[in-house]
Amino acid sequence: MQLSETGRQRGAHLMLISAVLDMAQAVPVPNPRPLAPPGLDKPINTILAWAKWGVIVAGVAGLFICGAQMAIGRKNRSSFAADGASGIPWVLGGLSLAATASGIVGMFLR
């Protein structure tokens, strides 16, 4: 049984595509590390340090506010105390996200 001309062309095309894909997989893809533009290292590090400091201040303030709500709501205001207690996981979640932000972003830039 003979293949038609169209079948032979399809087979040749598939072999060519397979060969090209094999060669493409053999070529290493360059993956340079992130590099700051010249002159922006220090200003960006200063901005990131200020942001980190701001997150720490906001986290401490958030925990103080949650503690105050719980202390004030202890007597006859149980929903106020519950709001304070339910805010603690949100504050800790925000602090955890800020602490792991560089690792999370670094994971996507590999």
PDB file of N, CA and C in Angstrom:
ATOM      1  N   MET A   1       0.851  -1.173   0.000  1.00  0.00           N
ATOM      2  CA  MET A   1       0.000   0.000   0.000  1.00  0.00           C
ATOM      3  C   MET A   1       0.894   1.233   0.000  1.00  0.00           C
ATOM      4  N   GLN A   2       0.647   2.121  -0.928  1.00  0.00           N
ATOM      5  CA  GLN A   2       1.474   3.299  -1.072  1.00  0.00           C
ATOM      6  C   GLN A   2       0.781   4.508  -0.453  1.00  0.00           C
ATOM      7  N   LEU A   3       1.631   5.399   0.114  1.00  0.00           N
ATOM      8  CA  LEU A   3       1.093   6.638   0.664  1.00  0.00           C
ATOM      9  C   LEU A   3       0.879   7.631  -0.452  1.00  0.00           C
ATOM     10  N   SER A   4      -0.139   8.412  -0.319  1.00  0.00           N
ATOM     11  CA  SER A   4      -0.371   9.452  -1.309  1.00  0.00           C
ATOM     12  C   SER A   4       0.663  10.557  -1.132  1.00  0.00           C
ATOM     13  N   GLU A   5       0.731  11.440  -2.067  1.00  0.00           N
ATOM     14  CA  GLU A   5       1.693  12.556  -2.010  1.00  0.00           C
ATOM     15  C   GLU A   5       1.436  13.417  -0.780  1.00  0.00           C
ATOM     16  N   THR A   6       0.176  13.646  -0.437  1.00  0.00           N
ATOM     17  CA  THR A   6      -0.172  14.458   0.732  1.00  0.00           C
ATOM     18  C   THR A   6       0.270  13.768   2.012  1.00  0.00           C
ATOM     19  N   GLY A   7       0.104  12.474   2.112  1.00  0.00           N
ATOM     20  CA  GLY A   7       0.543  11.726   3.289  1.00  0.00           C
ATOM     21  C   GLY A   7       2.044  11.780   3.461  1.00  0.00           C
ATOM     22  N   ARG A   8       2.791  11.711   2.369  1.00  0.00           N
ATOM     23  CA  ARG A   8       4.253  11.796   2.448  1.00  0.00           C
ATOM     24  C   ARG A   8       4.684  13.188   2.915  1.00  0.00           C
ATOM     25  N   GLN A   9       4.007  14.211   2.422  1.00  0.00           N
ATOM     26  CA  GLN A   9       4.350  15.582   2.831  1.00  0.00           C
ATOM     27  C   GLN A   9       4.055  15.780   4.317  1.00  0.00           C
ATOM     28  N   ARG A  10       2.960  15.247   4.787  1.00  0.00           N
ATOM     29  CA  ARG A  10       2.626  15.369   6.206  1.00  0.00           C
ATOM     30  C   ARG A  10       3.666  14.655   7.059  1.00  0.00           C
ATOM     31  N   GLY A  11       4.068  13.484   6.637  1.00  0.00           N
ATOM     32  CA  GLY A  11       5.086  12.748   7.372  1.00  0.00           C
ATOM     33  C   GLY A  11       6.400  13.503   7.408  1.00  0.00           C
ATOM     34  N   ALA A  12       6.774  14.115   6.280  1.00  0.00           N
ATOM     35  CA  ALA A  12       8.012  14.889   6.229  1.00  0.00           C
ATOM     36  C   ALA A  12       7.911  16.115   7.124  1.00  0.00           C
ATOM     37  N   HIS A  13       6.757  16.754   7.117  1.00  0.00           N
ATOM     38  CA  HIS A  13       6.561  17.930   7.970  1.00  0.00           C
ATOM     39  C   HIS A  13       6.639  17.549   9.447  1.00  0.00           C
ATOM     40  N   LEU A  14       6.029  16.428   9.817  1.00  0.00           N
ATOM     41  CA  LEU A  14       6.068  15.993  11.207  1.00  0.00           C
ATOM     42  C   LEU A  14       7.491  15.648  11.639  1.00  0.00           C
ATOM     43  N   MET A  15       8.259  15.021  10.760  1.00  0.00           N
ATOM     44  CA  MET A  15       9.649  14.694  11.086  1.00  0.00           C
ATOM     45  C   MET A  15      10.468  15.967  11.253  1.00  0.00           C
ATOM     46  N   LEU A  16      10.229  16.966  10.388  1.00  0.00           N
ATOM     47  CA  LEU A  16      10.948  18.236  10.476  1.00  0.00           C
ATOM     48  C   LEU A  16      10.598  18.963  11.773  1.00  0.00           C
ATOM     49  N   ILE A  17       9.326  18.994  12.112  1.00  0.00           N
ATOM     50  CA  ILE A  17       8.902  19.651  13.349  1.00  0.00           C
ATOM     51  C   ILE A  17       9.505  18.944  14.554  1.00  0.00           C
ATOM     52  N   SER A  18       9.507  17.621  14.537  1.00  0.00           N
ATOM     53  CA  SER A  18      10.096  16.864  15.637  1.00  0.00           C
ATOM     54  C   SER A  18      11.585  17.150  15.778  1.00  0.00           C
ATOM     55  N   ALA A  19      12.294  17.249  14.663  1.00  0.00           N
ATOM     56  CA  ALA A  19      13.729  17.543  14.707  1.00  0.00           C
ATOM     57  C   ALA A  19      13.991  18.937  15.252  1.00  0.00           C
ATOM     58  N   VAL A  20      13.172  19.908  14.848  1.00  0.00           N
ATOM     59  CA  VAL A  20      13.339  21.286  15.328  1.00  0.00           C
ATOM     60  C   VAL A  20      13.067  21.351  16.826  1.00  0.00           C
ATOM     61  N   LEU A  21      12.038  20.665  17.294  1.00  0.00           N
ATOM     62  CA  LEU A  21      11.735  20.659  18.729  1.00  0.00           C
ATOM     63  C   LEU A  21      12.849  19.998  19.523  1.00  0.00           C
ATOM     64  N   ASP A  22      13.418  18.927  18.997  1.00  0.00           N
ATOM     65  CA  ASP A  22      14.539  18.276  19.677  1.00  0.00           C
ATOM     66  C   ASP A  22      15.733  19.213  19.787  1.00  0.00           C
ATOM     67  N   MET A  23      16.013  19.962  18.717  1.00  0.00           N
ATOM     68  CA  MET A  23      17.139  20.904  18.758  1.00  0.00           C
ATOM     69  C   MET A  23      16.862  22.051  19.717  1.00  0.00           C
ATOM     70  N   ALA A  24      15.618  22.504  19.762  1.00  0.00           N
ATOM     71  CA  ALA A  24      15.266  23.618  20.651  1.00  0.00           C
ATOM     72  C   ALA A  24      15.421  23.221  22.107  1.00  0.00           C
ATOM     73  N   GLN A  25      15.134  21.967  22.427  1.00  0.00           N
ATOM     74  CA  GLN A  25      15.276  21.517  23.808  1.00  0.00           C
ATOM     75  C   GLN A  25      16.733  21.368  24.199  1.00  0.00           C
ATOM     76  N   ALA A  26      17.606  21.138  23.235  1.00  0.00           N
ATOM     77  CA  ALA A  26      19.025  20.951  23.528  1.00  0.00           C
ATOM     78  C   ALA A  26      19.737  22.279  23.780  1.00  0.00           C
ATOM     79  N   VAL A  27      19.182  23.388  23.290  1.00  0.00           N
ATOM     80  CA  VAL A  27      19.822  24.691  23.438  1.00  0.00           C
ATOM     81  C   VAL A  27      19.474  25.248  24.815  1.00  0.00           C
ATOM     82  N   PRO A  28      20.473  25.566  25.647  1.00  0.00           N
ATOM     83  CA  PRO A  28      20.164  26.139  26.962  1.00  0.00           C
ATOM     84  C   PRO A  28      19.600  27.550  26.825  1.00  0.00           C
ATOM     85  N   VAL A  29      18.592  27.841  27.625  1.00  0.00           N
ATOM     86  CA  VAL A  29      17.970  29.157  27.616  1.00  0.00           C
ATOM     87  C   VAL A  29      18.680  30.017  28.660  1.00  0.00           C
ATOM     88  N   PRO A  30      19.200  31.182  28.275  1.00  0.00           N
ATOM     89  CA  PRO A  30      19.876  32.019  29.264  1.00  0.00           C
ATOM     90  C   PRO A  30      18.881  32.551  30.289  1.00  0.00           C
ATOM     91  N   ASN A  31      19.295  32.548  31.541  1.00  0.00           N
ATOM     92  CA  ASN A  31      18.451  33.039  32.620  1.00  0.00           C
ATOM     93  C   ASN A  31      19.305  33.917  33.530  1.00  0.00           C
ATOM     94  N   PRO A  32      19.494  35.184  33.138  1.00  0.00           N
ATOM     95  CA  PRO A  32      20.360  36.045  33.955  1.00  0.00           C
ATOM     96  C   PRO A  32      19.685  36.396  35.274  1.00  0.00           C
ATOM     97  N   ARG A  33      20.501  36.648  36.273  1.00  0.00           N
ATOM     98  CA  ARG A  33      19.961  37.040  37.568  1.00  0.00           C
ATOM     99  C   ARG A  33      19.478  38.481  37.482  1.00  0.00           C
ATOM    100  N   PRO A  34      18.511  38.860  38.330  1.00  0.00           N
ATOM    101  CA  PRO A  34      18.032  40.240  38.319  1.00  0.00           C
ATOM    102  C   PRO A  34      19.159  41.204  38.680  1.00  0.00           C
ATOM    103  N   LEU A  35      19.240  42.291  37.974  1.00  0.00           N
ATOM    104  CA  LEU A  35      20.290  43.279  38.197  1.00  0.00           C
ATOM    105  C   LEU A  35      19.670  44.669  38.166  1.00  0.00           C
ATOM    106  N   ALA A  36      19.926  45.437  39.203  1.00  0.00           N
ATOM    107  CA  ALA A  36      19.365  46.788  39.280  1.00  0.00           C
ATOM    108  C   ALA A  36      20.052  47.692  38.259  1.00  0.00           C
ATOM    109  N   PRO A  37      19.315  48.643  37.710  1.00  0.00           N
ATOM    110  CA  PRO A  37      19.940  49.605  36.809  1.00  0.00           C
ATOM    111  C   PRO A  37      21.029  50.385  37.552  1.00  0.00           C
ATOM    112  N   PRO A  38      22.069  50.782  36.845  1.00  0.00           N
ATOM    113  CA  PRO A  38      23.162  51.509  37.506  1.00  0.00           C
ATOM    114  C   PRO A  38      22.667  52.776  38.213  1.00  0.00           C
ATOM    115  N   GLY A  39      23.096  52.930  39.441  1.00  0.00           N
ATOM    116  CA  GLY A  39      22.742  54.113  40.215  1.00  0.00           C
ATOM    117  C   GLY A  39      21.460  53.995  41.017  1.00  0.00           C
ATOM    118  N   LEU A  40      20.685  52.924  40.815  1.00  0.00           N
ATOM    119  CA  LEU A  40      19.416  52.792  41.539  1.00  0.00           C
ATOM    120  C   LEU A  40      19.501  51.852  42.728  1.00  0.00           C
ATOM    121  N   ASP A  41      20.651  51.230  42.954  1.00  0.00           N
ATOM    122  CA  ASP A  41      20.785  50.285  44.065  1.00  0.00           C
ATOM    123  C   ASP A  41      20.457  50.938  45.407  1.00  0.00           C
ATOM    124  N   LYS A  42      21.144  52.005  45.727  1.00  0.00           N
ATOM    125  CA  LYS A  42      20.979  52.626  47.048  1.00  0.00           C
ATOM    126  C   LYS A  42      19.606  53.257  47.243  1.00  0.00           C
ATOM    127  N   PRO A  43      19.067  54.028  46.262  1.00  0.00           N
ATOM    128  CA  PRO A  43      17.732  54.601  46.494  1.00  0.00           C
ATOM    129  C   PRO A  43      16.638  53.542  46.650  1.00  0.00           C
ATOM    130  N   ILE A  44      16.687  52.484  45.855  1.00  0.00           N
ATOM    131  CA  ILE A  44      15.662  51.448  45.957  1.00  0.00           C
ATOM    132  C   ILE A  44      15.790  50.697  47.277  1.00  0.00           C
ATOM    133  N   ASN A  45      17.021  50.411  47.705  1.00  0.00           N
ATOM    134  CA  ASN A  45      17.208  49.756  49.002  1.00  0.00           C
ATOM    135  C   ASN A  45      16.699  50.630  50.142  1.00  0.00           C
ATOM    136  N   THR A  46      16.869  51.947  50.025  1.00  0.00           N
ATOM    137  CA  THR A  46      16.344  52.866  51.042  1.00  0.00           C
ATOM    138  C   THR A  46      14.816  52.825  51.060  1.00  0.00           C
ATOM    139  N   ILE A  47      14.202  52.838  49.893  1.00  0.00           N
ATOM    140  CA  ILE A  47      12.735  52.790  49.821  1.00  0.00           C
ATOM    141  C   ILE A  47      12.217  51.476  50.388  1.00  0.00           C
ATOM    142  N   LEU A  48      12.869  50.354  50.052  1.00  0.00           N
ATOM    143  CA  LEU A  48      12.445  49.059  50.593  1.00  0.00           C
ATOM    144  C   LEU A  48      12.626  48.999  52.105  1.00  0.00           C
ATOM    145  N   ALA A  49      13.696  49.594  52.617  1.00  0.00           N
ATOM    146  CA  ALA A  49      13.918  49.631  54.069  1.00  0.00           C
ATOM    147  C   ALA A  49      12.836  50.455  54.757  1.00  0.00           C
ATOM    148  N   TRP A  50      12.453  51.584  54.152  1.00  0.00           N
ATOM    149  CA  TRP A  50      11.377  52.403  54.723  1.00  0.00           C
ATOM    150  C   TRP A  50      10.057  51.625  54.704  1.00  0.00           C
ATOM    151  N   ALA A  51       9.777  50.917  53.616  1.00  0.00           N
ATOM    152  CA  ALA A  51       8.535  50.142  53.523  1.00  0.00           C
ATOM    153  C   ALA A  51       8.519  49.039  54.581  1.00  0.00           C
ATOM    154  N   LYS A  52       9.666  48.376  54.765  1.00  0.00           N
ATOM    155  CA  LYS A  52       9.757  47.325  55.779  1.00  0.00           C
ATOM    156  C   LYS A  52       9.520  47.908  57.173  1.00  0.00           C
ATOM    157  N   TRP A  53      10.118  49.051  57.443  1.00  0.00           N
ATOM    158  CA  TRP A  53       9.922  49.710  58.724  1.00  0.00           C
ATOM    159  C   TRP A  53       8.443  50.079  58.906  1.00  0.00           C
ATOM    160  N   GLY A  54       7.809  50.585  57.852  1.00  0.00           N
ATOM    161  CA  GLY A  54       6.394  50.941  57.920  1.00  0.00           C
ATOM    162  C   GLY A  54       5.501  49.740  58.201  1.00  0.00           C
ATOM    163  N   VAL A  55       5.828  48.602  57.599  1.00  0.00           N
ATOM    164  CA  VAL A  55       5.052  47.389  57.839  1.00  0.00           C
ATOM    165  C   VAL A  55       5.214  46.930  59.291  1.00  0.00           C
ATOM    166  N   ILE A  56       6.424  47.036  59.820  1.00  0.00           N
ATOM    167  CA  ILE A  56       6.650  46.650  61.220  1.00  0.00           C
ATOM    168  C   ILE A  56       5.859  47.553  62.154  1.00  0.00           C
ATOM    169  N   VAL A  57       5.884  48.861  61.914  1.00  0.00           N
ATOM    170  CA  VAL A  57       5.114  49.803  62.749  1.00  0.00           C
ATOM    171  C   VAL A  57       3.622  49.506  62.644  1.00  0.00           C
ATOM    172  N   ALA A  58       3.138  49.261  61.414  1.00  0.00           N
ATOM    173  CA  ALA A  58       1.719  48.956  61.233  1.00  0.00           C
ATOM    174  C   ALA A  58       1.344  47.647  61.924  1.00  0.00           C
ATOM    175  N   GLY A  59       2.227  46.651  61.887  1.00  0.00           N
ATOM    176  CA  GLY A  59       1.957  45.380  62.555  1.00  0.00           C
ATOM    177  C   GLY A  59       1.874  45.522  64.063  1.00  0.00           C
ATOM    178  N   VAL A  60       2.810  46.274  64.644  1.00  0.00           N
ATOM    179  CA  VAL A  60       2.782  46.501  66.094  1.00  0.00           C
ATOM    180  C   VAL A  60       1.528  47.282  66.474  1.00  0.00           C
ATOM    181  N   ALA A  61       1.205  48.306  65.699  1.00  0.00           N
ATOM    182  CA  ALA A  61      -0.007  49.084  65.979  1.00  0.00           C
ATOM    183  C   ALA A  61      -1.254  48.217  65.843  1.00  0.00           C
ATOM    184  N   GLY A  62      -1.275  47.349  64.838  1.00  0.00           N
ATOM    185  CA  GLY A  62      -2.424  46.464  64.653  1.00  0.00           C
ATOM    186  C   GLY A  62      -2.614  45.515  65.820  1.00  0.00           C
ATOM    187  N   LEU A  63      -1.507  44.965  66.319  1.00  0.00           N
ATOM    188  CA  LEU A  63      -1.618  44.075  67.474  1.00  0.00           C
ATOM    189  C   LEU A  63      -2.042  44.836  68.723  1.00  0.00           C
ATOM    190  N   PHE A  64      -1.545  46.077  68.893  1.00  0.00           N
ATOM    191  CA  PHE A  64      -1.989  46.898  70.023  1.00  0.00           C
ATOM    192  C   PHE A  64      -3.485  47.184  69.929  1.00  0.00           C
ATOM    193  N   ILE A  65      -3.955  47.508  68.743  1.00  0.00           N
ATOM    194  CA  ILE A  65      -5.382  47.809  68.554  1.00  0.00           C
ATOM    195  C   ILE A  65      -6.230  46.574  68.848  1.00  0.00           C
ATOM    196  N   CYS A  66      -5.789  45.401  68.352  1.00  0.00           N
ATOM    197  CA  CYS A  66      -6.529  44.158  68.637  1.00  0.00           C
ATOM    198  C   CYS A  66      -6.563  43.880  70.137  1.00  0.00           C
ATOM    199  N   GLY A  67      -5.429  44.079  70.817  1.00  0.00           N
ATOM    200  CA  GLY A  67      -5.393  43.873  72.265  1.00  0.00           C
ATOM    201  C   GLY A  67      -6.288  44.843  73.001  1.00  0.00           C
ATOM    202  N   ALA A  68      -6.311  46.104  72.561  1.00  0.00           N
ATOM    203  CA  ALA A  68      -7.180  47.096  73.205  1.00  0.00           C
ATOM    204  C   ALA A  68      -8.647  46.743  73.002  1.00  0.00           C
ATOM    205  N   GLN A  69      -9.008  46.297  71.798  1.00  0.00           N
ATOM    206  CA  GLN A  69     -10.398  45.898  71.560  1.00  0.00           C
ATOM    207  C   GLN A  69     -10.798  44.737  72.459  1.00  0.00           C
ATOM    208  N   MET A  70      -9.884  43.795  72.623  1.00  0.00           N
ATOM    209  CA  MET A  70     -10.197  42.655  73.479  1.00  0.00           C
ATOM    210  C   MET A  70     -10.322  43.077  74.940  1.00  0.00           C
ATOM    211  N   ALA A  71      -9.469  43.998  75.389  1.00  0.00           N
ATOM    212  CA  ALA A  71      -9.528  44.452  76.781  1.00  0.00           C
ATOM    213  C   ALA A  71     -10.778  45.287  77.027  1.00  0.00           C
ATOM    214  N   ILE A  72     -11.111  46.168  76.091  1.00  0.00           N
ATOM    215  CA  ILE A  72     -12.295  47.017  76.268  1.00  0.00           C
ATOM    216  C   ILE A  72     -13.570  46.193  76.173  1.00  0.00           C
ATOM    217  N   GLY A  73     -13.594  45.232  75.281  1.00  0.00           N
ATOM    218  CA  GLY A  73     -14.806  44.447  75.065  1.00  0.00           C
ATOM    219  C   GLY A  73     -15.003  43.310  76.044  1.00  0.00           C
ATOM    220  N   ARG A  74     -14.161  43.210  77.034  1.00  0.00           N
ATOM    221  CA  ARG A  74     -14.254  42.112  78.000  1.00  0.00           C
ATOM    222  C   ARG A  74     -15.576  42.144  78.763  1.00  0.00           C
ATOM    223  N   LYS A  75     -16.007  43.312  79.173  1.00  0.00           N
ATOM    224  CA  LYS A  75     -17.241  43.442  79.978  1.00  0.00           C
ATOM    225  C   LYS A  75     -18.375  43.983  79.112  1.00  0.00           C
ATOM    226  N   ASN A  76     -19.410  43.226  78.928  1.00  0.00           N
ATOM    227  CA  ASN A  76     -20.658  43.636  78.277  1.00  0.00           C
ATOM    228  C   ASN A  76     -20.508  44.053  76.815  1.00  0.00           C
ATOM    229  N   ARG A  77     -19.378  43.831  76.227  1.00  0.00           N
ATOM    230  CA  ARG A  77     -19.208  44.155  74.800  1.00  0.00           C
ATOM    231  C   ARG A  77     -18.488  42.992  74.121  1.00  0.00           C
ATOM    232  N   SER A  78     -19.073  41.831  74.161  1.00  0.00           N
ATOM    233  CA  SER A  78     -18.381  40.638  73.684  1.00  0.00           C
ATOM    234  C   SER A  78     -18.114  40.689  72.178  1.00  0.00           C
ATOM    235  N   SER A  79     -18.968  41.358  71.412  1.00  0.00           N
ATOM    236  CA  SER A  79     -18.720  41.432  69.964  1.00  0.00           C
ATOM    237  C   SER A  79     -17.497  42.309  69.662  1.00  0.00           C
ATOM    238  N   PHE A  80     -17.272  43.335  70.483  1.00  0.00           N
ATOM    239  CA  PHE A  80     -16.094  44.189  70.310  1.00  0.00           C
ATOM    240  C   PHE A  80     -14.825  43.389  70.587  1.00  0.00           C
ATOM    241  N   ALA A  81     -14.861  42.551  71.625  1.00  0.00           N
ATOM    242  CA  ALA A  81     -13.716  41.695  71.956  1.00  0.00           C
ATOM    243  C   ALA A  81     -13.507  40.645  70.876  1.00  0.00           C
ATOM    244  N   ALA A  82     -14.580  40.112  70.324  1.00  0.00           N
ATOM    245  CA  ALA A  82     -14.472  39.121  69.252  1.00  0.00           C
ATOM    246  C   ALA A  82     -13.874  39.743  67.992  1.00  0.00           C
ATOM    247  N   ASP A  83     -14.236  41.000  67.715  1.00  0.00           N
ATOM    248  CA  ASP A  83     -13.634  41.692  66.565  1.00  0.00           C
ATOM    249  C   ASP A  83     -12.128  41.858  66.753  1.00  0.00           C
ATOM    250  N   GLY A  84     -11.728  42.172  67.963  1.00  0.00           N
ATOM    251  CA  GLY A  84     -10.294  42.294  68.246  1.00  0.00           C
ATOM    252  C   GLY A  84      -9.568  40.970  68.086  1.00  0.00           C
ATOM    253  N   ALA A  85     -10.186  39.902  68.574  1.00  0.00           N
ATOM    254  CA  ALA A  85      -9.561  38.578  68.466  1.00  0.00           C
ATOM    255  C   ALA A  85      -9.518  38.105  67.021  1.00  0.00           C
ATOM    256  N   SER A  86     -10.550  38.424  66.253  1.00  0.00           N
ATOM    257  CA  SER A  86     -10.550  37.985  64.849  1.00  0.00           C
ATOM    258  C   SER A  86      -9.600  38.817  63.993  1.00  0.00           C
ATOM    259  N   GLY A  87      -9.157  39.954  64.498  1.00  0.00           N
ATOM    260  CA  GLY A  87      -8.203  40.773  63.749  1.00  0.00           C
ATOM    261  C   GLY A  87      -6.761  40.284  63.862  1.00  0.00           C
ATOM    262  N   ILE A  88      -6.463  39.514  64.898  1.00  0.00           N
ATOM    263  CA  ILE A  88      -5.085  39.048  65.116  1.00  0.00           C
ATOM    264  C   ILE A  88      -4.568  38.200  63.953  1.00  0.00           C
ATOM    265  N   PRO A  89      -5.339  37.211  63.447  1.00  0.00           N
ATOM    266  CA  PRO A  89      -4.818  36.444  62.308  1.00  0.00           C
ATOM    267  C   PRO A  89      -4.552  37.302  61.075  1.00  0.00           C
ATOM    268  N   TRP A  90      -5.357  38.347  60.870  1.00  0.00           N
ATOM    269  CA  TRP A  90      -5.147  39.229  59.718  1.00  0.00           C
ATOM    270  C   TRP A  90      -3.854  40.018  59.872  1.00  0.00           C
ATOM    271  N   VAL A  91      -3.595  40.498  61.074  1.00  0.00           N
ATOM    272  CA  VAL A  91      -2.348  41.230  61.317  1.00  0.00           C
ATOM    273  C   VAL A  91      -1.149  40.309  61.129  1.00  0.00           C
ATOM    274  N   LEU A  92      -1.222  39.113  61.717  1.00  0.00           N
ATOM    275  CA  LEU A  92      -0.112  38.163  61.583  1.00  0.00           C
ATOM    276  C   LEU A  92       0.048  37.700  60.138  1.00  0.00           C
ATOM    277  N   GLY A  93      -1.049  37.550  59.416  1.00  0.00           N
ATOM    278  CA  GLY A  93      -0.969  37.189  57.992  1.00  0.00           C
ATOM    279  C   GLY A  93      -0.298  38.280  57.172  1.00  0.00           C
ATOM    280  N   GLY A  94      -0.633  39.525  57.449  1.00  0.00           N
ATOM    281  CA  GLY A  94       0.008  40.637  56.747  1.00  0.00           C
ATOM    282  C   GLY A  94       1.494  40.721  57.045  1.00  0.00           C
ATOM    283  N   LEU A  95       1.864  40.522  58.300  1.00  0.00           N
ATOM    284  CA  LEU A  95       3.283  40.530  58.662  1.00  0.00           C
ATOM    285  C   LEU A  95       4.022  39.363  58.014  1.00  0.00           C
ATOM    286  N   SER A  96       3.391  38.199  57.974  1.00  0.00           N
ATOM    287  CA  SER A  96       4.018  37.036  57.347  1.00  0.00           C
ATOM    288  C   SER A  96       4.208  37.247  55.849  1.00  0.00           C
ATOM    289  N   LEU A  97       3.207  37.830  55.203  1.00  0.00           N
ATOM    290  CA  LEU A  97       3.325  38.104  53.772  1.00  0.00           C
ATOM    291  C   LEU A  97       4.441  39.097  53.495  1.00  0.00           C
ATOM    292  N   ALA A  98       4.544  40.130  54.312  1.00  0.00           N
ATOM    293  CA  ALA A  98       5.611  41.117  54.129  1.00  0.00           C
ATOM    294  C   ALA A  98       6.981  40.489  54.373  1.00  0.00           C
ATOM    295  N   ALA A  99       7.069  39.584  55.351  1.00  0.00           N
ATOM    296  CA  ALA A  99       8.350  38.954  55.662  1.00  0.00           C
ATOM    297  C   ALA A  99       8.801  38.005  54.566  1.00  0.00           C
ATOM    298  N   THR A 100       7.863  37.367  53.877  1.00  0.00           N
ATOM    299  CA  THR A 100       8.219  36.406  52.838  1.00  0.00           C
ATOM    300  C   THR A 100       8.091  36.965  51.430  1.00  0.00           C
ATOM    301  N   ALA A 101       7.852  38.264  51.300  1.00  0.00           N
ATOM    302  CA  ALA A 101       7.609  38.857  49.981  1.00  0.00           C
ATOM    303  C   ALA A 101       8.770  38.648  49.022  1.00  0.00           C
ATOM    304  N   SER A 102       9.991  38.862  49.470  1.00  0.00           N
ATOM    305  CA  SER A 102      11.120  38.718  48.555  1.00  0.00           C
ATOM    306  C   SER A 102      11.282  37.271  48.103  1.00  0.00           C
ATOM    307  N   GLY A 103      11.021  36.315  48.985  1.00  0.00           N
ATOM    308  CA  GLY A 103      11.101  34.914  48.594  1.00  0.00           C
ATOM    309  C   GLY A 103      10.020  34.523  47.601  1.00  0.00           C
ATOM    310  N   ILE A 104       8.808  35.055  47.804  1.00  0.00           N
ATOM    311  CA  ILE A 104       7.708  34.763  46.890  1.00  0.00           C
ATOM    312  C   ILE A 104       7.997  35.327  45.511  1.00  0.00           C
ATOM    313  N   VAL A 105       8.441  36.575  45.462  1.00  0.00           N
ATOM    314  CA  VAL A 105       8.748  37.199  44.168  1.00  0.00           C
ATOM    315  C   VAL A 105       9.928  36.500  43.509  1.00  0.00           C
ATOM    316  N   GLY A 106      10.932  36.138  44.309  1.00  0.00           N
ATOM    317  CA  GLY A 106      12.096  35.438  43.761  1.00  0.00           C
ATOM    318  C   GLY A 106      11.743  34.098  43.153  1.00  0.00           C
ATOM    319  N   MET A 107      10.714  33.425  43.707  1.00  0.00           N
ATOM    320  CA  MET A 107      10.298  32.149  43.179  1.00  0.00           C
ATOM    321  C   MET A 107       9.766  32.291  41.751  1.00  0.00           C
ATOM    322  N   PHE A 108       9.074  33.390  41.451  1.00  0.00           N
ATOM    323  CA  PHE A 108       8.506  33.585  40.131  1.00  0.00           C
ATOM    324  C   PHE A 108       9.530  34.094  39.123  1.00  0.00           C
ATOM    325  N   LEU A 109      10.650  34.617  39.586  1.00  0.00           N
ATOM    326  CA  LEU A 109      11.649  35.164  38.674  1.00  0.00           C
ATOM    327  C   LEU A 109      12.792  34.199  38.387  1.00  0.00           C
ATOM    328  N   ARG A 110      12.676  32.961  38.794  1.00  0.00           N
ATOM    329  CA  ARG A 110      13.739  31.984  38.524  1.00  0.00           C
ATOM    330  C   ARG A 110      13.798  31.627  37.081  1.00  0.00           C
TER     331      ARG A 110
END
